[in-house]
Amino acid sequence: QACTPNRIAPSPVALAPGAAPREMTQEEIRDVVRRFIAAARVVRDAGFSGVQIHCAHGYLLSQFLSPAVNQRTDRWGGSLENRARIVLEIVDGTRKELGA
């Protein structure tokens, strides 16, 4: 991965040949939530009226949703509610921040 030499993921599960990613820390997960909310603010300030939060195709948020990839045992893994927590915090935080 040329763009991301230090791979991180919900859990250290390799989806392709090569080294497994490093499991994200709690702080890294909270930082991702903050960055999604900040990105939505930038989009709004640029004059757009909506934002799509992409949770498919193997990207980070879809990895959190997948029980095959997300093998965490903390508040970010296990039940569907916990696996969806990052997405819900992004959506709720964005709505709160932007008044949507």
Foldseek 3Di string as FASTA:
>chain_A
DVVCPQAEACPQDDPDPDGTHHHDDPVVLVVVLVVLLVVLVVCVVVPDDDDDDDQDDPPRLVLLQDLVNNVDPDQSDDDNCSSCVSVVSSVVSNCVVVVD
